[in-house]
């Protein structure tokens, strides 16, 4: 009788463990569903985001315009001057007069390769297999009191980034990755919060560590508006 009870409890505990366990694909599927669902995400063609970047006590207006897998332009106004960053799948430029640049400068090839991945409006986890990426569930980790699933993604090019996905909401609350900054590889960490729906798709409205500089608060998001792709060229 004791042996039967022991066996029953063992089987029950293993069943419970199996039922509560998650795979990387299950976590990603729940993340996609939390963001609005695969069908809705697939409709994203363009996003325009207005925000304020807080850096050393200054609030800097930032407007980010993206067209899916075509280009991204970030317009920044600071110290009475207007600058921009442009990224396409093959080229990138920066013009930051408030940082001493007197003319647009081409981005290094490595920086262009890294930035081109950000042109995917669906996110790196969406259809990751079709993109040639692999994922690994590294277990769970506490992030500032929030239990998260830790997902490591490796792109086709061999770049890795780690996503921390809230175990309750399944929103990404942090992402860490290696990036080339000033010619040196560094680890960057970006946090996400205050998710709100815009036309059925959820976007983070607070971004910590944005551009490696400060905290950003999003004030307005528009999706699938017509965009003149000339803005992704210097002088456009």
Foldseek 3Di string as FASTA:
>chain_A
DVVVVVVVVVVVVVVVVVVPDDFPVRLLQLLCVLQQHLVVLVPFFKKWFWKWFAFPNDTKIWIWIAGAQAKIKIWIDDPNDIWMWIAHLQWIWTDDVVVPHPFIDTDDRQQNNVCSQVNHSSDCSRPVVVQVKDKGFPQWDADPNFIWTWMWIAGNVGWIKIFTAGPPSSHTFKMWGWDQDPNDTDIAMKGFADWDDDPRGTDTQWIACVVPGGIMGIDDMDTPDDDDSCVNDVVD
